[in-house]
Amino acid sequence: PAAAPPPSSGPPHPCAAAAAMGSRHFPARTVLFEKESSGVTYRVPALLYLPCVAKLLAFAEERLSADDAHANLLVLRRGSIYGSYVQWEDMRVLETATLQHHRSMNPCPLYDEFTGTLFLFFITVLGRTPEAYQIVTGQNVTRLCCVTSADQGLSWSTATDLTQQVIGATIKDWATFALGPGHGIQLRSGRLLVPAYSYHIDCKECFGQLCKTTPHSFAFYSDDHGRAWRFGEFIPNLQSGECQLVSVDEEDGSNVLYCNARSPLGFRVQALSTDDGAVFHGGQLVQRLVEPPHGCHGSVIGFPAPLVYVP
């Protein structure tokens, strides 16, 4: 797996999901979310493919401006695949993916192929509180939320705030946290995984002022089709933040979970888990994957290895 280059910060830009050129195998490029003349813009895209119904679901944040603090709601476009053609429906605002007095951010969808349930995880942040303020002060005002759909995204449940149930008292040790950005995955075992990262409070001064935080990637996971969720251990040794996951599956049924994460250390960080995301081994800096100056969305996608014919 390798990091892909769509930026998650920097100048505003349209979010596009499709191949760069039309061909027999790939549809022509389609701009799904584009900045409006009013200044409303769309950032932090997530794309999910549902092979059982040949549909693509594209999510993004709708922002009043490009500023993170001006995030507002989450939006969705559904695409139906017909051979090499994708027919996209109009954009819809996900009106239930909200928490009162909070802004919705970081959409992270995943699909349970065993139950047909579509999950959309996201965070909500109180008012216009910037991430930087939470990191500097240690005052965490971010919540972990989820909505679900039983009809491939046509309708959605009301939002559930999972913060207390899933994170509990540990939230006091996190200055803030977020998801992905990007999609979650399901393993062959049925385990559901949501990539995430937290700014852990390493120490405080005696007067309660925040002294130091360190970003660490990890995963939320569920083994009962989303009824209960837990979170795994941080990547232990290197600073790691925004991330995505992919499972490397072997023919004998075994697998290794691969995490690719953004890092302030100049290169992407990769880490492996041999217990499906509960614990990650020490991360490695990947010298060939240079981190751009303003960061990288860092998408990774798992797909079957091509069959090689050996005469």
C-alpha atoms as a PDB file:
ATOM      1  CA  PRO A   1       0.000   0.000   0.000  1.00  0.00           C
ATOM      2  CA  ALA A   2       1.122   3.563  -0.622  1.00  0.00           C
ATOM      3  CA  ALA A   3       0.005   7.034   0.297  1.00  0.00           C
ATOM      4  CA  ALA A   4      -2.023   8.898  -2.296  1.00  0.00           C
ATOM      5  CA  PRO A   5      -1.630  12.636  -2.723  1.00  0.00           C
ATOM      6  CA  PRO A   6      -4.995  14.422  -2.290  1.00  0.00           C
ATOM      7  CA  PRO A   7      -4.249  17.071   0.374  1.00  0.00           C
ATOM      8  CA  SER A   8      -6.289  17.438   3.553  1.00  0.00           C
ATOM      9  CA  SER A   9      -5.121  20.989   4.140  1.00  0.00           C
ATOM     10  CA  GLY A  10      -3.944  23.909   2.045  1.00  0.00           C
ATOM     11  CA  PRO A  11      -5.805  26.016  -0.530  1.00  0.00           C
ATOM     12  CA  PRO A  12      -9.489  25.198  -1.154  1.00  0.00           C
ATOM     13  CA  HIS A  13     -10.034  22.768  -3.977  1.00  0.00           C
ATOM     14  CA  PRO A  14     -12.894  20.692  -5.384  1.00  0.00           C
ATOM     15  CA  CYS A  15     -13.112  17.124  -4.129  1.00  0.00           C
ATOM     16  CA  ALA A  16     -13.140  14.723  -7.048  1.00  0.00           C
ATOM     17  CA  ALA A  17     -13.731  10.983  -6.998  1.00  0.00           C
ATOM     18  CA  ALA A  18     -13.041   9.094 -10.220  1.00  0.00           C
ATOM     19  CA  ALA A  19     -10.223   8.180 -12.540  1.00  0.00           C
ATOM     20  CA  ALA A  20      -8.298  10.985 -14.161  1.00  0.00           C
ATOM     21  CA  MET A  21      -9.212   9.909 -17.681  1.00  0.00           C
ATOM     22  CA  GLY A  22     -12.117   8.076 -19.219  1.00  0.00           C
ATOM     23  CA  SER A  23     -11.315   4.672 -20.686  1.00  0.00           C
ATOM     24  CA  ARG A  24     -12.771   1.237 -21.211  1.00  0.00           C
ATOM     25  CA  HIS A  25     -12.044   0.420 -17.563  1.00  0.00           C
ATOM     26  CA  PHE A  26     -12.414   3.761 -15.778  1.00  0.00           C
ATOM     27  CA  PRO A  27     -15.152   6.398 -15.928  1.00  0.00           C
ATOM     28  CA  ALA A  28     -14.260   9.962 -16.860  1.00  0.00           C
ATOM     29  CA  ARG A  29     -13.378  12.373 -14.061  1.00  0.00           C
ATOM     30  CA  THR A  30     -16.400  13.716 -12.211  1.00  0.00           C
ATOM     31  CA  VAL A  31     -16.271  16.666  -9.826  1.00  0.00           C
ATOM     32  CA  LEU A  32     -18.539  15.698  -6.958  1.00  0.00           C
ATOM     33  CA  PHE A  33     -18.173  18.647  -4.588  1.00  0.00           C
ATOM     34  CA  GLU A  34     -17.133  22.102  -5.765  1.00  0.00           C
ATOM     35  CA  LYS A  35     -16.640  25.423  -4.001  1.00  0.00           C
ATOM     36  CA  GLU A  36     -19.674  27.677  -4.381  1.00  0.00           C
ATOM     37  CA  SER A  37     -19.712  31.382  -5.215  1.00  0.00           C
ATOM     38  CA  SER A  38     -21.038  32.079  -1.709  1.00  0.00           C
ATOM     39  CA  GLY A  39     -17.767  30.793  -0.240  1.00  0.00           C
ATOM     40  CA  VAL A  40     -19.222  27.471   0.912  1.00  0.00           C
ATOM     41  CA  THR A  41     -16.613  24.805   0.241  1.00  0.00           C
ATOM     42  CA  TYR A  42     -16.195  21.054   0.673  1.00  0.00           C
ATOM     43  CA  ARG A  43     -13.257  19.336   2.342  1.00  0.00           C
ATOM     44  CA  VAL A  44     -12.133  16.006   3.852  1.00  0.00           C
ATOM     45  CA  PRO A  45     -13.756  13.579   1.374  1.00  0.00           C
ATOM     46  CA  ALA A  46     -14.408   9.900   2.041  1.00  0.00           C
ATOM     47  CA  LEU A  47     -15.332   7.359  -0.627  1.00  0.00           C
ATOM     48  CA  LEU A  48     -16.928   3.969   0.067  1.00  0.00           C
ATOM     49  CA  TYR A  49     -17.680   1.228  -2.464  1.00  0.00           C
ATOM     50  CA  LEU A  50     -20.553  -1.196  -1.857  1.00  0.00           C
ATOM     51  CA  PRO A  51     -19.838  -4.152  -4.175  1.00  0.00           C
ATOM     52  CA  CYS A  52     -23.047  -5.986  -3.263  1.00  0.00           C
ATOM     53  CA  VAL A  53     -25.152  -3.260  -4.904  1.00  0.00           C
ATOM     54  CA  ALA A  54     -22.506  -1.705  -7.205  1.00  0.00           C
ATOM     55  CA  LYS A  55     -22.736   1.714  -5.585  1.00  0.00           C
ATOM     56  CA  LEU A  56     -20.254   4.395  -4.591  1.00  0.00           C
ATOM     57  CA  LEU A  57     -20.934   6.672  -1.630  1.00  0.00           C
ATOM     58  CA  ALA A  58     -18.988   9.941  -1.511  1.00  0.00           C
ATOM     59  CA  PHE A  59     -19.043  11.976   1.704  1.00  0.00           C
ATOM     60  CA  ALA A  60     -17.498  15.338   2.576  1.00  0.00           C
ATOM     61  CA  GLU A  61     -17.636  18.181   5.050  1.00  0.00           C
ATOM     62  CA  GLU A  62     -19.630  21.222   3.993  1.00  0.00           C
ATOM     63  CA  ARG A  63     -17.836  24.293   5.329  1.00  0.00           C
ATOM     64  CA  LEU A  64     -18.852  27.938   5.379  1.00  0.00           C
ATOM     65  CA  SER A  65     -15.233  28.662   4.387  1.00  0.00           C
ATOM     66  CA  ALA A  66     -12.066  26.586   4.024  1.00  0.00           C
ATOM     67  CA  ASP A  67     -11.214  27.140   7.702  1.00  0.00           C
ATOM     68  CA  ASP A  68     -11.516  24.030   9.909  1.00  0.00           C
ATOM     69  CA  ALA A  69     -13.431  26.107  12.459  1.00  0.00           C
ATOM     70  CA  HIS A  70     -16.055  26.864   9.786  1.00  0.00           C
ATOM     71  CA  ALA A  71     -17.012  23.234   9.206  1.00  0.00           C
ATOM     72  CA  ASN A  72     -20.770  22.887   9.362  1.00  0.00           C
ATOM     73  CA  LEU A  73     -22.568  19.770   8.110  1.00  0.00           C
ATOM     74  CA  LEU A  74     -21.829  16.510   6.286  1.00  0.00           C
ATOM     75  CA  VAL A  75     -22.989  15.850   2.725  1.00  0.00           C
ATOM     76  CA  LEU A  76     -23.371  12.747   0.557  1.00  0.00           C
ATOM     77  CA  ARG A  77     -23.579  11.840  -3.110  1.00  0.00           C
ATOM     78  CA  ARG A  78     -24.534   8.300  -4.173  1.00  0.00           C
ATOM     79  CA  GLY A  79     -23.314   6.829  -7.437  1.00  0.00           C
ATOM     80  CA  SER A  80     -24.640   3.783  -9.291  1.00  0.00           C
ATOM     81  CA  ILE A  81     -22.116   1.870 -11.393  1.00  0.00           C
ATOM     82  CA  TYR A  82     -23.217   0.700 -14.829  1.00  0.00           C
ATOM     83  CA  GLY A  83     -20.245  -0.990 -16.481  1.00  0.00           C
ATOM     84  CA  SER A  84     -17.694   1.797 -16.980  1.00  0.00           C
ATOM     85  CA  TYR A  85     -20.251   4.536 -16.271  1.00  0.00           C
ATOM     86  CA  VAL A  86     -21.195   6.013 -12.883  1.00  0.00           C
ATOM     87  CA  GLN A  87     -24.486   7.872 -12.545  1.00  0.00           C
ATOM     88  CA  TRP A  88     -24.295  10.266  -9.604  1.00  0.00           C
ATOM     89  CA  GLU A  89     -27.303  11.489  -7.671  1.00  0.00           C
ATOM     90  CA  ASP A  90     -27.589  15.068  -6.469  1.00  0.00           C
ATOM     91  CA  MET A  91     -25.813  16.071  -3.280  1.00  0.00           C
ATOM     92  CA  ARG A  92     -27.773  15.670  -0.052  1.00  0.00           C
ATOM     93  CA  VAL A  93     -27.127  17.148   3.375  1.00  0.00           C
ATOM     94  CA  LEU A  94     -27.088  14.492   6.104  1.00  0.00           C
ATOM     95  CA  GLU A  95     -29.400  16.364   8.429  1.00  0.00           C
ATOM     96  CA  THR A  96     -29.362  13.744  11.193  1.00  0.00           C
ATOM     97  CA  ALA A  97     -25.540  13.608  11.378  1.00  0.00           C
ATOM     98  CA  THR A  98     -25.417  16.492  13.828  1.00  0.00           C
ATOM     99  CA  LEU A  99     -25.151  17.244  17.529  1.00  0.00           C
ATOM    100  CA  GLN A 100     -26.715  20.420  18.895  1.00  0.00           C
ATOM    101  CA  HIS A 101     -24.322  23.388  19.133  1.00  0.00           C
ATOM    102  CA  HIS A 102     -21.561  21.322  17.479  1.00  0.00           C
ATOM    103  CA  ARG A 103     -20.104  21.229  13.972  1.00  0.00           C
ATOM    104  CA  SER A 104     -19.800  17.869  12.183  1.00  0.00           C
ATOM    105  CA  MET A 105     -16.413  16.816  10.773  1.00  0.00           C
ATOM    106  CA  ASN A 106     -14.296  13.892   9.491  1.00  0.00           C
ATOM    107  CA  PRO A 107     -16.878  11.559   7.914  1.00  0.00           C
ATOM    108  CA  CYS A 108     -15.659   7.951   8.124  1.00  0.00           C
ATOM    109  CA  PRO A 109     -18.047   5.415   6.522  1.00  0.00           C
ATOM    110  CA  LEU A 110     -17.861   1.636   6.683  1.00  0.00           C
ATOM    111  CA  TYR A 111     -20.180  -1.179   5.643  1.00  0.00           C
ATOM    112  CA  ASP A 112     -21.005  -4.421   7.453  1.00  0.00           C
ATOM    113  CA  GLU A 113     -21.397  -6.989   4.678  1.00  0.00           C
ATOM    114  CA  PHE A 114     -22.836  -9.534   7.139  1.00  0.00           C
ATOM    115  CA  THR A 115     -25.788  -7.380   8.236  1.00  0.00           C
ATOM    116  CA  GLY A 116     -26.097  -4.849   5.408  1.00  0.00           C
ATOM    117  CA  THR A 117     -25.681  -1.958   7.855  1.00  0.00           C
ATOM    118  CA  LEU A 118     -23.919   1.170   6.682  1.00  0.00           C
ATOM    119  CA  PHE A 119     -22.169   3.127   9.442  1.00  0.00           C
ATOM    120  CA  LEU A 120     -21.082   6.737   9.194  1.00  0.00           C
ATOM    121  CA  PHE A 121     -18.779   7.716  12.036  1.00  0.00           C
ATOM    122  CA  PHE A 122     -17.842  11.358  12.494  1.00  0.00           C
ATOM    123  CA  ILE A 123     -16.724  13.776  15.160  1.00  0.00           C
ATOM    124  CA  THR A 124     -18.553  16.838  16.387  1.00  0.00           C
ATOM    125  CA  VAL A 125     -16.755  19.833  17.878  1.00  0.00           C
ATOM    126  CA  LEU A 126     -18.374  22.410  20.155  1.00  0.00           C
ATOM    127  CA  GLY A 127     -19.115  25.687  18.382  1.00  0.00           C
ATOM    128  CA  ARG A 128     -16.153  27.126  16.491  1.00  0.00           C
ATOM    129  CA  THR A 129     -13.500  25.799  18.896  1.00  0.00           C
ATOM    130  CA  PRO A 130     -10.320  25.200  16.851  1.00  0.00           C
ATOM    131  CA  GLU A 131      -8.348  21.978  17.147  1.00  0.00           C
ATOM    132  CA  ALA A 132      -5.269  24.028  18.065  1.00  0.00           C
ATOM    133  CA  TYR A 133      -7.048  25.511  21.093  1.00  0.00           C
ATOM    134  CA  GLN A 134      -7.867  22.038  22.400  1.00  0.00           C
ATOM    135  CA  ILE A 135      -4.265  20.906  21.906  1.00  0.00           C
ATOM    136  CA  VAL A 136      -2.803  23.948  23.696  1.00  0.00           C
ATOM    137  CA  THR A 137      -5.244  23.958  26.619  1.00  0.00           C
ATOM    138  CA  GLY A 138      -6.100  20.271  26.938  1.00  0.00           C
ATOM    139  CA  GLN A 139      -9.793  21.198  26.998  1.00  0.00           C
ATOM    140  CA  ASN A 140     -11.366  18.492  24.840  1.00  0.00           C
ATOM    141  CA  VAL A 141     -14.716  19.527  23.327  1.00  0.00           C
ATOM    142  CA  THR A 142     -14.854  16.796  20.645  1.00  0.00           C
ATOM    143  CA  ARG A 143     -17.443  13.995  20.601  1.00  0.00           C
ATOM    144  CA  LEU A 144     -17.516  10.622  18.826  1.00  0.00           C
ATOM    145  CA  CYS A 145     -20.777  10.206  16.901  1.00  0.00           C
ATOM    146  CA  CYS A 146     -22.389   7.763  14.486  1.00  0.00           C
ATOM    147  CA  VAL A 147     -25.427   7.418  12.238  1.00  0.00           C
ATOM    148  CA  THR A 148     -26.488   4.233  10.436  1.00  0.00           C
ATOM    149  CA  SER A 149     -28.407   3.316   7.305  1.00  0.00           C
ATOM    150  CA  ALA A 150     -30.146   0.076   6.327  1.00  0.00           C
ATOM    151  CA  ASP A 151     -30.829   1.132   2.716  1.00  0.00           C
ATOM    152  CA  GLN A 152     -27.367   2.003   1.339  1.00  0.00           C
ATOM    153  CA  GLY A 153     -27.547   5.633   2.411  1.00  0.00           C
ATOM    154  CA  LEU A 154     -31.050   6.595   1.284  1.00  0.00           C
ATOM    155  CA  SER A 155     -32.158   7.244   4.868  1.00  0.00           C
ATOM    156  CA  TRP A 156     -30.246   7.618   8.115  1.00  0.00           C
ATOM    157  CA  SER A 157     -30.832   7.117  11.820  1.00  0.00           C
ATOM    158  CA  THR A 158     -30.569   9.914  14.336  1.00  0.00           C
ATOM    159  CA  ALA A 159     -27.065  10.546  15.641  1.00  0.00           C
ATOM    160  CA  THR A 160     -25.716   8.615  18.619  1.00  0.00           C
ATOM    161  CA  ASP A 161     -23.061  10.217  20.829  1.00  0.00           C
ATOM    162  CA  LEU A 162     -20.749   7.300  21.673  1.00  0.00           C
ATOM    163  CA  THR A 163     -18.106   9.276  23.564  1.00  0.00           C
ATOM    164  CA  GLN A 164     -18.921   8.187  27.102  1.00  0.00           C
ATOM    165  CA  GLN A 165     -19.858   4.639  26.140  1.00  0.00           C
ATOM    166  CA  VAL A 166     -16.743   3.964  24.040  1.00  0.00           C
ATOM    167  CA  ILE A 167     -13.990   6.284  25.318  1.00  0.00           C
ATOM    168  CA  GLY A 168     -15.222   6.834  28.868  1.00  0.00           C
ATOM    169  CA  ALA A 169     -12.871   8.332  31.444  1.00  0.00           C
ATOM    170  CA  THR A 170      -9.914   8.053  29.050  1.00  0.00           C
ATOM    171  CA  ILE A 171     -11.196  11.201  27.321  1.00  0.00           C
ATOM    172  CA  LYS A 172      -9.542  13.260  30.087  1.00  0.00           C
ATOM    173  CA  ASP A 173      -6.149  12.093  28.778  1.00  0.00           C
ATOM    174  CA  TRP A 174      -6.870  13.233  25.216  1.00  0.00           C
ATOM    175  CA  ALA A 175      -6.575  16.924  24.339  1.00  0.00           C
ATOM    176  CA  THR A 176      -8.640  16.117  21.243  1.00  0.00           C
ATOM    177  CA  PHE A 177      -9.128  13.328  18.708  1.00  0.00           C
ATOM    178  CA  ALA A 178     -10.486  12.721  15.217  1.00  0.00           C
ATOM    179  CA  LEU A 179     -11.225   9.975  12.691  1.00  0.00           C
ATOM    180  CA  GLY A 180      -9.510   8.927   9.459  1.00  0.00           C
ATOM    181  CA  PRO A 181      -9.961  10.918   7.340  1.00  0.00           C
ATOM    182  CA  GLY A 182     -11.315   8.400   4.864  1.00  0.00           C
ATOM    183  CA  HIS A 183     -13.190   5.123   5.165  1.00  0.00           C
ATOM    184  CA  GLY A 184     -13.234   2.300   7.699  1.00  0.00           C
ATOM    185  CA  ILE A 185     -12.917  -1.388   6.833  1.00  0.00           C
ATOM    186  CA  GLN A 186     -14.333  -4.793   7.738  1.00  0.00           C
ATOM    187  CA  LEU A 187     -12.080  -7.819   8.167  1.00  0.00           C
ATOM    188  CA  ARG A 188     -12.941 -11.329   6.981  1.00  0.00           C
ATOM    189  CA  SER A 189     -13.600 -12.213  10.637  1.00  0.00           C
ATOM    190  CA  GLY A 190     -16.389  -9.620  10.678  1.00  0.00           C
ATOM    191  CA  ARG A 191     -14.498  -7.118  12.840  1.00  0.00           C
ATOM    192  CA  LEU A 192     -15.307  -3.507  11.968  1.00  0.00           C
ATOM    193  CA  LEU A 193     -12.467  -0.975  12.174  1.00  0.00           C
ATOM    194  CA  VAL A 194     -12.507   2.831  12.230  1.00  0.00           C
ATOM    195  CA  PRO A 195      -9.101   4.569  11.898  1.00  0.00           C
ATOM    196  CA  ALA A 196      -8.531   7.360  14.413  1.00  0.00           C
ATOM    197  CA  TYR A 197      -5.916   9.479  16.148  1.00  0.00           C
ATOM    198  CA  SER A 198      -5.643  11.328  19.432  1.00  0.00           C
ATOM    199  CA  TYR A 199      -3.477  14.076  20.893  1.00  0.00           C
ATOM    200  CA  HIS A 200      -2.490  12.409  24.146  1.00  0.00           C
ATOM    201  CA  ILE A 201      -1.763  14.684  27.113  1.00  0.00           C
ATOM    202  CA  ASP A 202       1.710  13.579  28.186  1.00  0.00           C
ATOM    203  CA  CYS A 203       2.133  15.964  31.110  1.00  0.00           C
ATOM    204  CA  LYS A 204       0.692  19.107  32.673  1.00  0.00           C
ATOM    205  CA  GLU A 205       2.262  21.865  34.717  1.00  0.00           C
ATOM    206  CA  CYS A 206       1.302  22.116  38.364  1.00  0.00           C
ATOM    207  CA  PHE A 207      -1.076  25.023  37.728  1.00  0.00           C
ATOM    208  CA  GLY A 208      -3.098  22.944  35.299  1.00  0.00           C
ATOM    209  CA  GLN A 209      -1.631  24.428  32.147  1.00  0.00           C
ATOM    210  CA  LEU A 210      -0.999  21.947  29.376  1.00  0.00           C
ATOM    211  CA  CYS A 211       2.673  21.141  28.963  1.00  0.00           C
ATOM    212  CA  LYS A 212       2.937  18.609  26.169  1.00  0.00           C
ATOM    213  CA  THR A 213       0.784  16.516  23.837  1.00  0.00           C
ATOM    214  CA  THR A 214       1.756  13.848  21.320  1.00  0.00           C
ATOM    215  CA  PRO A 215      -0.385  12.593  18.400  1.00  0.00           C
ATOM    216  CA  HIS A 216      -0.924   8.836  18.129  1.00  0.00           C
ATOM    217  CA  SER A 217      -2.879   6.755  15.610  1.00  0.00           C
ATOM    218  CA  PHE A 218      -5.105   3.878  16.718  1.00  0.00           C
ATOM    219  CA  ALA A 219      -8.382   2.162  15.772  1.00  0.00           C
ATOM    220  CA  PHE A 220     -11.888   1.838  17.147  1.00  0.00           C
ATOM    221  CA  TYR A 221     -13.255  -1.674  16.575  1.00  0.00           C
ATOM    222  CA  SER A 222     -16.356  -3.826  17.020  1.00  0.00           C
ATOM    223  CA  ASP A 223     -16.738  -7.617  16.989  1.00  0.00           C
ATOM    224  CA  ASP A 224     -20.539  -7.702  17.312  1.00  0.00           C
ATOM    225  CA  HIS A 225     -21.610  -5.827  14.174  1.00  0.00           C
ATOM    226  CA  GLY A 226     -21.525  -2.415  15.791  1.00  0.00           C
ATOM    227  CA  ARG A 227     -23.477  -3.036  18.981  1.00  0.00           C
ATOM    228  CA  ALA A 228     -20.416  -2.328  21.148  1.00  0.00           C
ATOM    229  CA  TRP A 229     -17.173  -0.543  20.314  1.00  0.00           C
ATOM    230  CA  ARG A 230     -13.720  -0.464  21.886  1.00  0.00           C
ATOM    231  CA  PHE A 231     -10.490   1.302  21.039  1.00  0.00           C
ATOM    232  CA  GLY A 232      -7.079  -0.270  20.599  1.00  0.00           C
ATOM    233  CA  GLU A 233      -3.654   0.825  21.739  1.00  0.00           C
ATOM    234  CA  PHE A 234      -1.746   3.701  20.155  1.00  0.00           C
ATOM    235  CA  ILE A 235       1.075   3.210  17.675  1.00  0.00           C
ATOM    236  CA  PRO A 236       3.658   3.345  20.446  1.00  0.00           C
ATOM    237  CA  ASN A 237       6.908   4.901  19.322  1.00  0.00           C
ATOM    238  CA  LEU A 238       6.455   7.567  16.635  1.00  0.00           C
ATOM    239  CA  GLN A 239       4.228  10.615  16.361  1.00  0.00           C
ATOM    240  CA  SER A 240       1.356   9.650  14.064  1.00  0.00           C
ATOM    241  CA  GLY A 241      -1.943  11.319  13.256  1.00  0.00           C
ATOM    242  CA  GLU A 242      -4.448  11.151  10.408  1.00  0.00           C
ATOM    243  CA  CYS A 243      -4.456   7.584   9.136  1.00  0.00           C
ATOM    244  CA  GLN A 244      -6.118   4.831   7.151  1.00  0.00           C
ATOM    245  CA  LEU A 245      -6.159   1.051   7.458  1.00  0.00           C
ATOM    246  CA  VAL A 246      -6.025  -1.906   5.097  1.00  0.00           C
ATOM    247  CA  SER A 247      -5.956  -5.656   5.727  1.00  0.00           C
ATOM    248  CA  VAL A 248      -3.329  -7.757   3.942  1.00  0.00           C
ATOM    249  CA  ASP A 249      -5.032 -11.153   3.629  1.00  0.00           C
ATOM    250  CA  GLU A 250      -3.208 -14.423   2.986  1.00  0.00           C
ATOM    251  CA  GLU A 251      -4.605 -17.488   1.224  1.00  0.00           C
ATOM    252  CA  ASP A 252      -4.313 -19.538   4.427  1.00  0.00           C
ATOM    253  CA  GLY A 253      -6.823 -17.243   6.150  1.00  0.00           C
ATOM    254  CA  SER A 254      -4.317 -15.221   8.173  1.00  0.00           C
ATOM    255  CA  ASN A 255      -4.004 -11.470   7.843  1.00  0.00           C
ATOM    256  CA  VAL A 256      -1.948  -8.480   8.935  1.00  0.00           C
ATOM    257  CA  LEU A 257      -3.490  -5.055   9.503  1.00  0.00           C
ATOM    258  CA  TYR A 258      -1.535  -2.204   7.911  1.00  0.00           C
ATOM    259  CA  CYS A 259      -1.814   1.412   9.098  1.00  0.00           C
ATOM    260  CA  ASN A 260      -0.472   4.350   7.089  1.00  0.00           C
ATOM    261  CA  ALA A 261      -0.386   7.611   9.056  1.00  0.00           C
ATOM    262  CA  ARG A 262       0.460  11.261   8.642  1.00  0.00           C
ATOM    263  CA  SER A 263       3.360  12.447  10.780  1.00  0.00           C
ATOM    264  CA  PRO A 264       5.138  15.721  11.618  1.00  0.00           C
ATOM    265  CA  LEU A 265       8.453  13.861  11.213  1.00  0.00           C
ATOM    266  CA  GLY A 266       8.770  14.490   7.461  1.00  0.00           C
ATOM    267  CA  PHE A 267       7.723  11.046   6.217  1.00  0.00           C
ATOM    268  CA  ARG A 268       4.648   8.832   6.449  1.00  0.00           C
ATOM    269  CA  VAL A 269       4.547   6.382   9.341  1.00  0.00           C
ATOM    270  CA  GLN A 270       3.503   2.782   8.762  1.00  0.00           C
ATOM    271  CA  ALA A 271       2.708   0.207  11.433  1.00  0.00           C
ATOM    272  CA  LEU A 272       1.437  -3.372  11.522  1.00  0.00           C
ATOM    273  CA  SER A 273      -0.971  -5.170  13.820  1.00  0.00           C
ATOM    274  CA  THR A 274      -1.150  -8.953  14.070  1.00  0.00           C
ATOM    275  CA  ASP A 275      -4.241  -8.956  16.305  1.00  0.00           C
ATOM    276  CA  ASP A 276      -6.598  -6.995  14.038  1.00  0.00           C
ATOM    277  CA  GLY A 277      -5.979  -3.532  15.461  1.00  0.00           C
ATOM    278  CA  ALA A 278      -6.045  -4.060  19.227  1.00  0.00           C
ATOM    279  CA  VAL A 279      -2.271  -3.520  19.406  1.00  0.00           C
ATOM    280  CA  PHE A 280       0.087  -2.030  16.819  1.00  0.00           C
ATOM    281  CA  HIS A 281       3.771  -2.865  16.678  1.00  0.00           C
ATOM    282  CA  GLY A 282       6.272  -0.013  16.586  1.00  0.00           C
ATOM    283  CA  GLY A 283       5.840   2.326  13.645  1.00  0.00           C
ATOM    284  CA  GLN A 284       8.404   2.910  10.914  1.00  0.00           C
ATOM    285  CA  LEU A 285       9.207   6.074   8.990  1.00  0.00           C
ATOM    286  CA  VAL A 286       8.861   5.324   5.266  1.00  0.00           C
ATOM    287  CA  GLN A 287      11.612   7.281   3.529  1.00  0.00           C
ATOM    288  CA  ARG A 288      10.010   6.824   0.094  1.00  0.00           C
ATOM    289  CA  LEU A 289       6.735   8.390   1.259  1.00  0.00           C
ATOM    290  CA  VAL A 290       7.706  12.005   1.875  1.00  0.00           C
ATOM    291  CA  GLU A 291       5.080  14.020   3.748  1.00  0.00           C
ATOM    292  CA  PRO A 292       4.081  17.127   1.753  1.00  0.00           C
ATOM    293  CA  PRO A 293       4.515  20.476   3.551  1.00  0.00           C
ATOM    294  CA  HIS A 294       0.779  20.794   4.271  1.00  0.00           C
ATOM    295  CA  GLY A 295       0.091  17.119   4.917  1.00  0.00           C
ATOM    296  CA  CYS A 296      -1.532  14.396   2.859  1.00  0.00           C
ATOM    297  CA  HIS A 297      -4.904  12.652   2.925  1.00  0.00           C
ATOM    298  CA  GLY A 298      -2.912   9.419   2.627  1.00  0.00           C
ATOM    299  CA  SER A 299      -5.537   7.081   1.174  1.00  0.00           C
ATOM    300  CA  VAL A 300      -4.808   3.352   1.151  1.00  0.00           C
ATOM    301  CA  ILE A 301      -7.036   0.777  -0.548  1.00  0.00           C
ATOM    302  CA  GLY A 302      -6.977  -3.013  -0.314  1.00  0.00           C
ATOM    303  CA  PHE A 303      -7.696  -5.114  -3.398  1.00  0.00           C
ATOM    304  CA  PRO A 304      -7.094  -8.735  -4.471  1.00  0.00           C
ATOM    305  CA  ALA A 305      -3.610  -9.438  -5.774  1.00  0.00           C
ATOM    306  CA  PRO A 306      -3.598 -10.007  -9.551  1.00  0.00           C
ATOM    307  CA  LEU A 307      -3.258 -13.585 -10.699  1.00  0.00           C
ATOM    308  CA  VAL A 308       0.092 -14.222 -12.344  1.00  0.00           C
ATOM    309  CA  TYR A 309       0.324 -16.998 -14.913  1.00  0.00           C
ATOM    310  CA  VAL A 310       3.615 -18.877 -14.805  1.00  0.00           C
ATOM    311  CA  PRO A 311       3.987 -21.256 -17.782  1.00  0.00           C
END
